[in-house]
Protein backbone atom coordinates (compact mmCIF):
# COMPACT_ATOMS: atom_id res chain seq x y z
CA MET A 1 -10.36 -13.13 17.29
CA PHE A 2 -7.20 -14.66 15.88
CA GLN A 3 -6.89 -15.42 12.16
CA LYS A 4 -5.06 -18.45 10.82
CA SER A 5 -3.95 -16.62 7.70
CA LYS A 6 -1.96 -14.06 9.70
CA ALA A 7 1.46 -15.53 10.30
CA VAL A 8 5.10 -14.43 10.18
CA VAL A 9 8.31 -16.42 10.45
CA LEU A 10 11.63 -14.92 11.44
CA ALA A 11 14.91 -16.94 11.56
CA LYS A 12 18.38 -15.93 12.65
CA GLN A 13 21.65 -17.87 12.99
CA GLU A 14 22.66 -18.64 16.57
CA VAL A 15 26.12 -17.80 17.84
CA THR A 16 25.74 -20.26 20.72
CA TYR A 17 23.39 -23.22 20.45
CA GLY A 18 20.04 -22.55 22.03
CA VAL A 19 20.77 -18.89 22.86
CA ASP A 20 18.24 -16.54 21.27
CA PRO A 21 19.97 -14.06 18.89
CA THR A 22 16.72 -12.03 18.69
CA PRO A 23 15.66 -12.13 15.02
CA THR A 24 13.91 -8.94 13.75
CA SER A 25 11.24 -8.47 11.14
CA ALA A 26 13.46 -5.93 9.40
CA ALA A 27 16.45 -8.21 8.87
CA ASN A 28 15.36 -11.82 9.37
CA ALA A 29 11.90 -12.33 7.86
CA ILE A 30 11.34 -15.51 5.81
CA LEU A 31 8.69 -15.29 3.09
CA CYS A 32 6.91 -18.64 3.38
CA SER A 33 3.66 -20.54 3.18
CA ALA A 34 1.38 -20.94 6.18
CA PRO A 35 3.58 -22.59 8.79
CA GLU A 36 2.59 -25.57 10.89
CA ILE A 37 3.69 -26.23 14.41
CA GLU A 38 3.74 -29.50 16.38
CA VAL A 39 4.66 -29.79 20.07
CA LEU A 40 6.96 -32.77 20.74
CA GLY A 41 6.15 -33.98 24.22
CA ARG A 42 5.01 -36.84 26.33
CA ARG A 43 2.76 -37.67 29.23
CA ILE A 44 4.17 -39.41 32.25
CA GLU A 45 1.50 -41.59 33.88
CA ARG A 46 1.41 -41.76 37.66
CA ALA A 47 0.20 -45.24 38.42
CA ASN A 48 -0.79 -44.54 42.03
CA VAL A 49 -3.50 -46.59 43.69
CA LYS A 50 -6.70 -44.93 44.83
CA PRO A 51 -9.96 -46.01 46.46
CA HIS A 52 -12.11 -45.05 43.53
CA TYR A 53 -12.43 -45.22 39.71
CA GLY A 54 -11.13 -42.44 37.49
CA ALA A 55 -8.20 -41.35 35.44
CA SER A 56 -4.90 -40.86 37.13
CA VAL A 57 -3.35 -37.36 37.11
CA GLY A 58 -0.38 -37.38 34.79
CA VAL A 59 2.45 -34.94 34.09
CA ASN A 60 2.78 -33.35 30.65
CA ILE A 61 6.32 -32.63 29.48
CA GLY A 62 7.16 -30.46 26.49
CA GLU A 63 10.55 -31.43 25.05
CA GLY A 64 10.64 -29.83 21.62
CA ILE A 65 8.75 -28.01 18.90
CA LYS A 66 8.65 -28.93 15.20
CA VAL A 67 8.07 -26.07 12.77
CA SER A 68 7.34 -26.77 9.06
CA PHE A 69 6.89 -24.36 6.21
CA SER A 70 7.57 -24.00 2.48
CA VAL A 71 9.47 -21.26 0.75
CA GLU A 72 10.06 -20.25 -2.89
CA LEU A 73 13.36 -21.32 -4.47
CA LYS A 74 15.04 -17.97 -5.35
CA GLY A 75 18.27 -16.10 -5.03
CA SER A 76 19.00 -12.80 -3.32
CA GLY A 77 18.93 -10.88 -6.59
CA ALA A 78 22.69 -10.21 -6.48
CA ALA A 79 25.25 -12.84 -7.48
CA GLY A 80 27.55 -13.60 -4.56
CA THR A 81 25.03 -12.51 -1.94
CA ALA A 82 23.49 -15.22 0.20
CA PRO A 83 19.74 -15.86 -0.32
CA GLU A 84 17.11 -15.17 2.33
CA ILE A 85 17.04 -18.87 3.19
CA GLY A 86 20.79 -19.10 3.76
CA PRO A 87 20.52 -19.43 7.55
CA LEU A 88 17.92 -22.16 7.09
CA LEU A 89 20.18 -24.19 4.79
CA ARG A 90 23.08 -23.79 7.20
CA ALA A 91 20.92 -25.08 10.05
CA CYS A 92 20.34 -28.23 7.92
CA ASN A 93 24.09 -29.03 7.99
CA PHE A 94 24.96 -27.24 4.74
CA THR A 95 28.21 -25.25 4.63
CA GLU A 96 27.91 -21.83 3.06
CA THR A 97 30.78 -20.67 0.85
CA VAL A 98 30.56 -17.15 -0.60
CA THR A 99 32.47 -16.18 -3.75
CA ALA A 100 32.04 -12.41 -3.79
CA GLY A 101 30.18 -11.12 -6.85
CA THR A 102 29.83 -14.60 -8.35
CA LYS A 103 27.99 -17.26 -6.34
CA VAL A 104 27.11 -18.73 -2.95
CA ASP A 105 27.50 -22.50 -2.64
CA TYR A 106 25.85 -24.85 -0.12
CA ASP A 107 27.50 -28.21 0.43
CA PRO A 108 26.42 -30.89 2.96
CA ASN A 109 28.61 -31.42 6.00
CA SER A 110 28.67 -34.06 8.74
CA ALA A 111 28.82 -31.84 11.83
CA ASN A 112 26.85 -33.21 14.79
CA SER A 113 26.61 -31.13 17.93
CA THR A 114 28.98 -28.57 16.38
CA GLY A 115 26.61 -27.94 13.44
CA GLU A 116 24.97 -24.53 13.03
CA SER A 117 21.49 -23.75 14.34
CA VAL A 118 18.86 -21.03 14.22
CA THR A 119 16.29 -19.48 16.43
CA ILE A 120 12.88 -19.28 14.79
CA TYR A 121 10.16 -16.84 15.81
CA PHE A 122 6.78 -18.12 14.66
CA TYR A 123 3.89 -15.69 14.94
CA ARG A 124 0.41 -17.18 14.58
CA HIS A 125 -1.51 -13.90 14.61
CA ASN A 126 -0.67 -12.38 18.04
CA LEU A 127 0.67 -15.60 19.63
CA LEU A 128 4.46 -15.98 19.40
CA HIS A 129 6.46 -19.20 19.68
CA LYS A 130 10.19 -18.66 20.16
CA VAL A 131 11.93 -21.88 19.10
CA SER A 132 15.65 -21.93 19.82
CA GLY A 133 18.27 -24.56 18.94
CA CYS A 134 16.57 -25.40 15.64
CA ARG A 135 18.16 -27.91 13.27
CA GLY A 136 16.33 -29.51 10.41
CA THR A 137 15.97 -30.96 6.98
CA PHE A 138 14.46 -29.96 3.65
CA GLY A 139 13.20 -31.12 0.30
CA VAL A 140 13.05 -29.41 -3.11
CA GLU A 141 10.36 -29.82 -5.78
CA LEU A 142 10.73 -28.46 -9.35
CA LYS A 143 8.12 -28.69 -12.09
CA SER A 144 8.38 -27.53 -15.66
CA GLY A 145 7.30 -23.87 -16.03
CA GLU A 146 6.60 -23.39 -12.32
CA TYR A 147 8.36 -21.86 -9.39
CA GLY A 148 10.63 -24.11 -7.30
CA ASN A 149 9.48 -25.00 -3.81
CA ILE A 150 11.49 -25.91 -0.69
CA LYS A 151 9.81 -27.56 2.26
CA PHE A 152 11.71 -27.11 5.58
CA ASP A 153 11.16 -29.07 8.78
CA PHE A 154 12.92 -27.78 11.92
CA THR A 155 13.02 -29.15 15.45
CA GLY A 156 14.06 -27.03 18.42
CA ILE A 157 13.86 -26.72 22.17
CA TYR A 158 10.35 -26.39 23.68
CA GLN A 159 9.09 -23.06 24.93
CA GLY A 160 5.51 -22.14 25.47
CA PRO A 161 3.90 -19.31 23.45
CA VAL A 162 3.62 -15.69 24.63
CA ASP A 163 1.30 -12.84 23.76
CA GLN A 164 2.98 -10.58 21.28
CA ASN A 165 1.63 -8.56 18.34
CA ILE A 166 2.53 -9.82 14.93
CA PRO A 167 5.00 -7.59 13.04
CA ALA A 168 3.04 -5.23 10.88
CA ASN A 169 5.51 -4.81 7.97
CA PRO A 170 8.23 -7.47 7.84
CA THR A 171 10.90 -6.89 5.25
CA TYR A 172 11.19 -9.66 2.63
CA ASN A 173 13.61 -10.01 -0.26
CA ALA A 174 11.77 -8.61 -3.27
CA THR A 175 13.32 -10.97 -5.85
CA ASP A 176 10.71 -13.04 -7.75
CA PRO A 177 11.17 -16.81 -7.59
CA ALA A 178 12.91 -18.49 -10.52
CA ARG A 179 10.84 -20.75 -12.81
CA PHE A 180 12.03 -24.19 -13.88
CA LEU A 181 12.70 -23.40 -17.52
CA SER A 182 15.79 -23.89 -19.74
CA ALA A 183 16.79 -26.18 -16.97
CA ALA A 184 19.63 -28.03 -18.66
CA PHE A 185 18.63 -31.15 -16.83
CA GLY A 186 21.18 -33.95 -17.37
CA ILE A 187 21.75 -37.45 -16.14
CA ASP A 188 24.91 -39.30 -17.09
CA GLY A 189 25.49 -36.68 -19.77
CA TYR A 190 22.08 -37.21 -21.30
CA SER A 191 19.54 -34.37 -21.69
CA ALA A 192 16.37 -36.19 -20.62
CA VAL A 193 12.93 -34.73 -21.40
CA ILE A 194 11.38 -34.32 -17.96
CA GLU A 195 8.52 -32.48 -16.28
CA ASN A 196 9.40 -33.01 -12.61
CA PHE A 197 12.53 -33.28 -10.52
CA LYS A 198 12.58 -33.45 -6.74
CA PHE A 199 14.88 -34.51 -3.91
CA ASP A 200 14.77 -34.77 -0.13
CA VAL A 201 17.89 -34.29 1.97
CA GLY A 202 16.63 -36.78 4.54
CA ASN A 203 18.38 -35.44 7.65
CA GLU A 204 17.57 -37.55 10.69
CA ILE A 205 17.08 -35.44 13.81
CA GLY A 206 18.22 -36.87 17.16
CA LYS A 207 17.89 -35.52 20.68
CA ARG A 208 20.40 -35.39 23.52
CA PRO A 209 18.73 -35.83 26.93
CA ASN A 210 20.26 -33.99 29.85
CA ALA A 211 18.84 -33.75 33.30
CA ASN A 212 20.58 -30.40 33.75
CA ALA A 213 18.53 -28.82 30.95
CA ALA A 214 15.31 -26.95 31.67
CA THR A 215 13.30 -29.30 29.39
CA GLY A 216 15.47 -32.37 29.94
CA ILE A 217 16.86 -32.00 26.37
CA LEU A 218 20.32 -30.55 25.83
CA GLU A 219 20.01 -30.20 22.09
CA TYR A 220 18.60 -31.52 18.84
CA TRP A 221 21.21 -32.64 16.38
CA ILE A 222 21.51 -34.14 12.89
CA LYS A 223 22.60 -37.74 13.25
CA GLU A 224 22.45 -38.98 9.66
CA ARG A 225 21.67 -37.94 6.09
CA ASN A 226 20.17 -39.97 3.22
CA ILE A 227 19.43 -37.90 0.14
CA LYS A 228 16.90 -39.35 -2.28
CA GLY A 229 15.12 -37.92 -5.29
CA GLU A 230 13.12 -38.66 -8.42
CA PHE A 231 12.64 -37.50 -12.00
CA ASP A 232 10.36 -38.54 -14.85
CA PRO A 233 12.12 -38.84 -18.24
CA GLU A 234 10.30 -39.74 -21.40
CA ALA A 235 11.01 -43.34 -22.44
CA VAL A 236 13.39 -43.56 -25.46
CA ALA A 237 15.09 -46.28 -27.43
CA LEU A 238 17.76 -48.14 -25.48
CA SER A 239 20.21 -47.10 -28.17
CA GLU A 240 19.58 -43.47 -27.20
CA LYS A 241 19.62 -43.92 -23.39
CA ASP A 242 19.48 -47.20 -21.52
CA PHE A 243 18.09 -46.37 -18.09
CA TRP A 244 17.59 -50.08 -17.41
CA ALA A 245 21.37 -50.70 -17.86
CA LEU A 246 22.18 -47.81 -15.45
CA TRP A 247 20.04 -49.55 -12.88
CA SER A 248 21.12 -53.16 -13.47
CA ASN A 249 24.80 -52.22 -13.46
CA SER A 250 24.41 -50.20 -10.27
CA SER A 251 26.04 -47.32 -12.10
CA ARG A 252 26.83 -44.09 -10.26
CA VAL A 253 26.54 -41.10 -12.58
CA ALA A 254 26.38 -37.33 -12.54
CA LEU A 255 23.13 -35.36 -12.36
CA SER A 256 22.48 -31.64 -12.82
CA ALA A 257 19.65 -29.14 -13.15
CA THR A 258 19.21 -25.40 -13.07
CA ALA A 259 16.33 -23.27 -11.81
CA GLY A 260 16.40 -19.74 -13.15
CA GLN A 261 18.53 -18.01 -15.76
CA THR A 262 19.10 -14.49 -14.37
CA ALA A 263 22.28 -13.65 -12.50
CA GLY A 264 21.55 -13.36 -8.80
CA ASN A 265 18.46 -15.53 -9.12
CA LYS A 266 19.77 -18.85 -10.48
CA CYS A 267 20.16 -22.08 -8.50
CA VAL A 268 22.41 -24.75 -10.06
CA ILE A 269 21.96 -28.21 -8.50
CA THR A 270 24.64 -30.78 -9.09
CA ALA A 271 25.36 -34.26 -7.81
CA PRO A 272 28.47 -36.23 -8.83
CA LYS A 273 27.34 -39.81 -8.08
CA VAL A 274 23.63 -40.62 -8.13
CA GLN A 275 22.44 -44.19 -8.41
CA LEU A 276 19.10 -45.22 -9.93
CA ASP A 277 16.66 -47.13 -7.80
CA LEU A 278 14.01 -49.45 -9.20
CA LEU A 279 12.42 -48.06 -12.36
CA LYS A 280 8.66 -48.00 -13.03
CA TYR A 281 6.70 -47.04 -16.14
CA GLY A 282 4.45 -44.02 -16.10
CA ASP A 283 2.75 -41.73 -18.56
CA ARG A 284 2.45 -37.99 -19.23
CA GLU A 285 -0.26 -36.96 -21.71
CA ASN A 286 -0.24 -40.52 -23.05
CA ILE A 287 3.55 -40.33 -23.51
CA LEU A 288 5.41 -43.24 -22.00
CA THR A 289 7.76 -42.16 -19.18
CA PHE A 290 9.84 -43.67 -16.40
CA SER A 291 9.27 -42.96 -12.72
CA THR A 292 12.97 -42.86 -11.85
CA PRO A 293 13.97 -42.68 -8.20
CA VAL A 294 17.60 -41.85 -7.47
CA ILE A 295 19.86 -42.12 -4.47
CA PHE A 296 22.48 -39.40 -3.99
CA THR A 297 25.74 -41.03 -2.90
CA PRO A 298 28.98 -39.39 -1.79
CA ASN A 299 31.98 -39.23 -4.07
CA ALA A 300 34.76 -38.00 -1.83
CA GLY A 301 32.50 -37.38 1.20
CA ASN A 302 30.08 -34.51 2.06
CA ASP A 303 29.49 -33.90 -1.66
CA GLU A 304 26.36 -35.84 -2.54
CA ILE A 305 24.72 -32.61 -3.73
CA LYS A 306 25.51 -28.95 -4.20
CA LEU A 307 23.20 -25.98 -4.35
CA SER A 308 24.93 -23.08 -6.02
CA PHE A 309 23.10 -19.71 -6.06
CA GLN A 310 24.65 -17.70 -8.93
């Protein structure tokens, strides 16, 4: 009997796209929520005539697999050492820059078929899906006093499952996730009183068909990015902060927030040029707030947002 609650995810950077680098439970385990898997395929109908009623026999084709899971937002525990999720961020078209002993930065890039990729091993009890050539997208949610959460969605080349025992004792990074406290949240230089801040990278995944490939798909690639987010500041006098003017003037302003305060377990999120989308009123414990969507726009290019693990 297989149990749904027994699951393990391993992920390792690929040297060559689609070539399995063989992740291990000792070095490449990802601590995450219960993963979900979706086969991306299609059915080719064979519209042949026959002398009787009944369904036609079709052909099922598996082209890709989508793997989704959530992880805690946390550092490695040592400043200047990449976090456990580093390979996942890189496979979402984020460039990793390590400053030894200080920080690891992740900045968006615009690589297409030259972008980095990962192989993901997904164990659902003793069934194993090996998903190679994975590229994806992610979103971050932060709430006052709680741990940050990152939701990843990856798409890779289809392979059917195999029987393989789930790793008994995968090695995870032991650092506790950072809480969203003393967050220094700022928008246009203003320290807004907020409870929630979230953003979604919005990578669009495309596929490259190729008749020479075993599944008919050469690769999955990131064809566009559209980062959007939202925060919920308390409403204040216009003389203190005029969010309406920021919107009506189509202003592009800086935004920043920090999750965690301990060296090695702090993530600083910065964006140089966000633009407010249409404001709506809301409430929090009968306090008037704004539901404030934002669009992250480039400044010089490939700089809409930065995640800096310090």
